Amino acid sequence: MAAYAACEEHKMSKEPIPLHVVDVGRFTRSLSLQIKTLGAAPSHVSLLNGVARAAGFRNFQHLRASSAARQRVERQTASVDFKKVESVLQHFDATGALMRWPAKRQVQELCLWVMWAQLPRGVVMVEREVNAILNQAHLFADAALLRRSLIGMSLVTRAKDGTDYRRIECSPPSEAIYLIQSIAGRGKTR
């Protein structure tokens, strides 16, 4: 009885892993073929891997990692204020370029996250290089405003002598993540 209780306790501590199957017929055919190739009754691990492969994953570890990643993404996007994102998107053209500098500070900050995402990670740049990237990302010809605002928001660092710009790695708010993804999709049409 103690072994059973320990087993049940172990089961309860595991996170459930959801499995979505698009075509049950194809899933069961694939699983059936995998079981037949084993010959004998499959072990627990073999059966888990077989179920995962039948669902289109490499193995059970791949299924578990994919499920965990999906839950993390859903938690991040669960609190997105889509109305705010929609209003900020109006400041970008069809190619993803910022058309005008917004009047509201809250909107400016979200736009700056998009500019931040354009800058390369871990690369030290001179002002001319930063300006070139920012000029590609906006249409109102004021890279200096964007550069200073990025520094003011602590998204970019710069040496005291005005050289050596570097993007600061940080986690954008959920609206900014969604906005960056939306703008990246538009930028593919450039």
Protein backbone atom coordinates (compact mmCIF):
# COMPACT_ATOMS: atom_id res chain seq x y z
CA MET A 1 0.00 0.00 0.00
CA ALA A 2 2.87 2.39 0.75
CA ALA A 3 4.34 1.78 -2.71
CA TYR A 4 0.96 2.61 -4.27
CA ALA A 5 0.70 5.85 -2.25
CA ALA A 6 4.23 6.87 -3.27
CA CYS A 7 3.38 6.15 -6.90
CA GLU A 8 0.19 8.22 -6.68
CA GLU A 9 2.10 11.04 -4.99
CA HIS A 10 4.65 10.96 -7.82
CA LYS A 11 1.87 11.15 -10.41
CA MET A 12 0.28 14.15 -8.75
CA SER A 13 3.52 16.13 -8.75
CA LYS A 14 3.86 15.89 -12.54
CA GLU A 15 2.48 18.62 -14.77
CA PRO A 16 -0.17 17.35 -17.17
CA ILE A 17 0.96 17.48 -20.79
CA PRO A 18 -1.89 18.20 -23.19
CA LEU A 19 -1.95 16.43 -26.53
CA HIS A 20 -3.91 17.75 -29.48
CA VAL A 21 -4.36 15.35 -32.39
CA VAL A 22 -5.59 16.74 -35.70
CA ASP A 23 -6.51 13.40 -37.28
CA VAL A 24 -7.39 10.59 -34.86
CA GLY A 25 -7.44 7.98 -37.66
CA ARG A 26 -3.90 8.76 -38.78
CA PHE A 27 -2.79 8.97 -35.15
CA THR A 28 -4.12 5.51 -34.25
CA ARG A 29 -2.74 3.92 -37.47
CA SER A 30 0.70 5.31 -36.70
CA LEU A 31 0.55 4.19 -33.08
CA SER A 32 -0.69 0.74 -34.08
CA LEU A 33 2.18 0.28 -36.55
CA GLN A 34 4.72 1.35 -33.93
CA ILE A 35 3.32 -1.15 -31.41
CA LYS A 36 3.38 -3.97 -34.01
CA THR A 37 7.05 -3.31 -34.82
CA LEU A 38 7.96 -3.73 -31.15
CA GLY A 39 6.51 -7.26 -31.16
CA ALA A 40 5.88 -7.52 -27.41
CA ALA A 41 3.90 -5.19 -25.18
CA PRO A 42 5.73 -1.83 -25.19
CA SER A 43 7.27 -0.41 -22.04
CA HIS A 44 5.87 2.77 -20.54
CA VAL A 45 8.63 4.89 -22.11
CA SER A 46 8.26 3.20 -25.51
CA LEU A 47 4.53 3.83 -25.43
CA LEU A 48 5.04 7.50 -24.47
CA ASN A 49 7.50 7.93 -27.35
CA GLY A 50 5.13 6.12 -29.71
CA VAL A 51 2.20 8.37 -28.77
CA ALA A 52 4.39 11.45 -29.22
CA ARG A 53 5.66 10.28 -32.64
CA ALA A 54 2.12 9.43 -33.76
CA ALA A 55 1.16 13.03 -32.88
CA GLY A 56 4.01 14.40 -35.02
CA PHE A 57 6.75 14.91 -32.43
CA ARG A 58 10.24 13.35 -32.49
CA ASN A 59 9.74 11.70 -29.08
CA PHE A 60 8.12 12.29 -25.72
CA GLN A 61 10.80 14.80 -24.63
CA HIS A 62 10.04 16.88 -27.73
CA LEU A 63 6.30 16.76 -26.90
CA ARG A 64 6.98 17.83 -23.29
CA ALA A 65 9.32 20.68 -24.33
CA SER A 66 6.83 21.90 -26.94
CA SER A 67 4.00 21.85 -24.39
CA ALA A 68 6.07 23.79 -21.83
CA ALA A 69 7.03 26.39 -24.45
CA ARG A 70 3.39 26.78 -25.51
CA GLN A 71 2.33 27.36 -21.88
CA ARG A 72 5.06 30.01 -21.41
CA VAL A 73 3.98 31.82 -24.58
CA GLU A 74 0.31 31.65 -23.64
CA ARG A 75 1.09 33.10 -20.19
CA GLN A 76 2.96 35.99 -21.81
CA THR A 77 0.25 36.78 -24.35
CA ALA A 78 -2.65 36.18 -21.96
CA SER A 79 -2.36 39.70 -20.57
CA VAL A 80 -2.02 41.51 -23.90
CA ASP A 81 -4.18 44.61 -24.23
CA PHE A 82 -5.06 44.11 -27.90
CA LYS A 83 -6.89 47.44 -28.09
CA LYS A 84 -3.66 49.22 -27.13
CA VAL A 85 -1.66 47.17 -29.65
CA GLU A 86 -4.20 47.96 -32.36
CA SER A 87 -3.93 51.70 -31.69
CA VAL A 88 -0.10 51.57 -31.74
CA LEU A 89 -0.10 49.58 -35.00
CA GLN A 90 -1.75 52.58 -36.67
CA HIS A 91 1.56 54.43 -36.33
CA PHE A 92 3.29 51.91 -38.64
CA ASP A 93 2.89 51.59 -42.40
CA ALA A 94 2.29 48.39 -44.37
CA THR A 95 6.03 47.63 -44.46
CA GLY A 96 6.46 48.04 -40.69
CA ALA A 97 8.08 51.51 -40.71
CA LEU A 98 7.11 53.99 -37.99
CA MET A 99 5.31 56.78 -39.88
CA ARG A 100 5.12 59.47 -37.17
CA TRP A 101 6.24 60.06 -33.60
CA PRO A 102 3.22 59.53 -31.31
CA ALA A 103 2.11 62.27 -28.90
CA LYS A 104 1.30 59.95 -25.98
CA ARG A 105 4.23 58.69 -23.89
CA GLN A 106 2.67 55.25 -23.45
CA VAL A 107 2.41 54.79 -27.23
CA GLN A 108 5.95 56.15 -27.74
CA GLU A 109 7.32 53.52 -25.36
CA LEU A 110 5.67 50.67 -27.26
CA CYS A 111 7.00 52.09 -30.54
CA LEU A 112 10.48 52.23 -29.01
CA TRP A 113 10.31 48.52 -28.23
CA VAL A 114 9.87 47.91 -31.96
CA MET A 115 12.95 50.07 -32.65
CA TRP A 116 14.85 48.18 -29.92
CA ALA A 117 14.00 44.87 -31.63
CA GLN A 118 15.61 46.16 -34.85
CA LEU A 119 18.99 46.59 -33.17
CA PRO A 120 21.33 43.59 -33.17
CA ARG A 121 22.02 41.76 -29.90
CA GLY A 122 25.44 42.02 -28.30
CA VAL A 123 26.91 44.26 -31.00
CA VAL A 124 28.75 47.45 -30.16
CA MET A 125 27.85 50.10 -32.72
CA VAL A 126 28.85 53.66 -33.49
CA GLU A 127 26.22 56.38 -33.82
CA ARG A 128 26.24 56.20 -37.62
CA GLU A 129 25.37 52.47 -37.51
CA VAL A 130 22.54 53.01 -35.02
CA ASN A 131 21.18 55.86 -37.16
CA ALA A 132 21.28 53.67 -40.28
CA ILE A 133 19.20 50.98 -38.55
CA LEU A 134 16.74 53.49 -37.11
CA ASN A 135 16.40 55.33 -40.44
CA GLN A 136 15.35 52.05 -42.04
CA ALA A 137 12.68 51.62 -39.34
CA HIS A 138 11.00 55.06 -39.46
CA LEU A 139 9.81 57.66 -41.99
CA PHE A 140 9.96 61.01 -40.14
CA ALA A 141 13.75 61.49 -40.39
CA ASP A 142 14.63 61.96 -36.73
CA ALA A 143 16.97 59.13 -35.73
CA ALA A 144 18.41 61.33 -32.97
CA LEU A 145 15.01 61.52 -31.25
CA LEU A 146 14.64 57.75 -31.40
CA ARG A 147 18.22 57.17 -30.25
CA ARG A 148 17.87 59.51 -27.25
CA SER A 149 14.50 58.01 -26.36
CA LEU A 150 15.91 54.46 -26.46
CA ILE A 151 18.69 55.56 -24.12
CA GLY A 152 16.21 57.39 -21.87
CA MET A 153 14.11 54.25 -21.60
CA SER A 154 17.25 52.23 -20.73
CA LEU A 155 16.89 50.05 -23.82
CA VAL A 156 20.25 51.15 -25.24
CA THR A 157 23.49 52.17 -23.53
CA ARG A 158 26.06 54.61 -24.83
CA ALA A 159 29.53 55.57 -23.66
CA LYS A 160 29.91 59.02 -22.07
CA ASP A 161 31.74 60.30 -25.15
CA GLY A 162 28.70 59.43 -27.32
CA THR A 163 30.17 56.29 -28.89
CA ASP A 164 29.77 52.58 -28.35
CA TYR A 165 26.01 52.07 -28.49
CA ARG A 166 24.72 48.69 -27.38
CA ARG A 167 21.24 47.24 -27.08
CA ILE A 168 20.38 46.26 -23.49
CA GLU A 169 18.90 42.77 -23.31
CA CYS A 170 15.66 42.83 -21.34
CA SER A 171 12.21 41.32 -21.52
CA PRO A 172 9.62 43.47 -23.32
CA PRO A 173 6.10 43.79 -21.88
CA SER A 174 3.47 41.49 -23.38
CA GLU A 175 1.99 44.22 -25.62
CA ALA A 176 5.47 45.00 -26.97
CA ILE A 177 6.14 41.33 -27.73
CA TYR A 178 2.91 41.08 -29.70
CA LEU A 179 3.62 44.40 -31.43
CA ILE A 180 7.17 43.35 -32.39
CA GLN A 181 5.82 40.09 -33.85
CA SER A 182 3.13 41.95 -35.80
CA ILE A 183 5.61 44.48 -37.20
CA ALA A 184 8.11 41.73 -38.07
CA GLY A 185 5.38 40.13 -40.18
CA ARG A 186 4.82 43.39 -42.01
CA GLY A 187 8.53 43.91 -42.56
CA LYS A 188 8.69 40.76 -44.67
CA THR A 189 6.88 42.62 -47.42
CA ARG A 190 9.67 45.24 -47.69
